[in-house]
Amino acid sequence: MDSSCEFVVFISMLACSIAKGKTKEELNLLAVFFVQLGDTLASISLLDDSQN
């Protein structure tokens, strides 16, 4: 298995672990949180690249 597949498996296992015991509302909040975090990190990276 190549490293990209291993990463996908790791992320899936992490998501299942985080989701365990959470309500639907908690899962929705976590999903929104992580999407916003990812989008913000991508924006920061893009801005850092354009300033260099």
C-alpha atoms as a PDB file:
ATOM      1  CA  MET A   1       0.000   0.000   0.000  1.00  0.00           C
ATOM      2  CA  ASP A   2       1.422   3.391  -0.935  1.00  0.00           C
ATOM      3  CA  SER A   3       1.613   6.284   1.490  1.00  0.00           C
ATOM      4  CA  SER A   4      -1.408   8.112   0.011  1.00  0.00           C
ATOM      5  CA  CYS A   5      -3.606   5.071   0.690  1.00  0.00           C
ATOM      6  CA  GLU A   6      -2.178   4.764   4.185  1.00  0.00           C
ATOM      7  CA  PHE A   7      -3.056   8.409   4.815  1.00  0.00           C
ATOM      8  CA  VAL A   8      -6.644   7.836   3.664  1.00  0.00           C
ATOM      9  CA  VAL A   9      -6.961   4.815   5.954  1.00  0.00           C
ATOM     10  CA  PHE A  10      -5.491   6.796   8.861  1.00  0.00           C
ATOM     11  CA  ILE A  11      -7.899   9.711   8.330  1.00  0.00           C
ATOM     12  CA  SER A  12     -10.861   7.327   8.127  1.00  0.00           C
ATOM     13  CA  MET A  13      -9.833   5.576  11.338  1.00  0.00           C
ATOM     14  CA  LEU A  14      -9.349   8.927  13.057  1.00  0.00           C
ATOM     15  CA  ALA A  15     -12.792  10.111  11.944  1.00  0.00           C
ATOM     16  CA  CYS A  16     -14.402   6.935  13.260  1.00  0.00           C
ATOM     17  CA  SER A  17     -12.585   7.324  16.554  1.00  0.00           C
ATOM     18  CA  ILE A  18     -13.635  10.959  16.938  1.00  0.00           C
ATOM     19  CA  ALA A  19     -17.238  10.158  15.970  1.00  0.00           C
ATOM     20  CA  LYS A  20     -17.653   7.365  18.497  1.00  0.00           C
ATOM     21  CA  GLY A  21     -20.212   8.336  21.132  1.00  0.00           C
ATOM     22  CA  LYS A  22     -20.997  11.738  19.593  1.00  0.00           C
ATOM     23  CA  THR A  23     -24.497  12.983  18.830  1.00  0.00           C
ATOM     24  CA  LYS A  24     -25.505  14.031  15.315  1.00  0.00           C
ATOM     25  CA  GLU A  25     -25.309  17.660  16.396  1.00  0.00           C
ATOM     26  CA  GLU A  26     -21.805  17.192  17.814  1.00  0.00           C
ATOM     27  CA  LEU A  27     -20.689  15.482  14.598  1.00  0.00           C
ATOM     28  CA  ASN A  28     -22.094  18.312  12.504  1.00  0.00           C
ATOM     29  CA  LEU A  29     -20.275  20.879  14.642  1.00  0.00           C
ATOM     30  CA  LEU A  30     -16.999  18.956  14.403  1.00  0.00           C
ATOM     31  CA  ALA A  31     -17.395  18.631  10.629  1.00  0.00           C
ATOM     32  CA  VAL A  32     -17.946  22.377  10.243  1.00  0.00           C
ATOM     33  CA  PHE A  33     -15.013  23.096  12.559  1.00  0.00           C
ATOM     34  CA  PHE A  34     -12.579  20.909  10.602  1.00  0.00           C
ATOM     35  CA  VAL A  35     -13.751  22.235   7.221  1.00  0.00           C
ATOM     36  CA  GLN A  36     -13.225  25.807   8.446  1.00  0.00           C
ATOM     37  CA  LEU A  37      -9.829  24.880   9.882  1.00  0.00           C
ATOM     38  CA  GLY A  38      -8.754  23.293   6.587  1.00  0.00           C
ATOM     39  CA  ASP A  39      -9.999  26.217   4.526  1.00  0.00           C
ATOM     40  CA  THR A  40      -8.240  28.711   6.771  1.00  0.00           C
ATOM     41  CA  LEU A  41      -4.965  26.778   6.626  1.00  0.00           C
ATOM     42  CA  ALA A  42      -5.229  26.647   2.815  1.00  0.00           C
ATOM     43  CA  SER A  43      -5.834  30.410   2.700  1.00  0.00           C
ATOM     44  CA  ILE A  44      -2.840  31.082   4.943  1.00  0.00           C
ATOM     45  CA  SER A  45      -0.662  28.854   2.784  1.00  0.00           C
ATOM     46  CA  LEU A  46      -1.819  30.599  -0.382  1.00  0.00           C
ATOM     47  CA  LEU A  47      -1.188  34.039   1.100  1.00  0.00           C
ATOM     48  CA  ASP A  48       2.260  32.980   2.348  1.00  0.00           C
ATOM     49  CA  ASP A  49       3.131  31.703  -1.153  1.00  0.00           C
ATOM     50  CA  SER A  50       2.006  34.926  -2.832  1.00  0.00           C
ATOM     51  CA  GLN A  51       4.045  37.089  -0.458  1.00  0.00           C
ATOM     52  CA  ASN A  52       7.308  35.228  -1.088  1.00  0.00           C
END
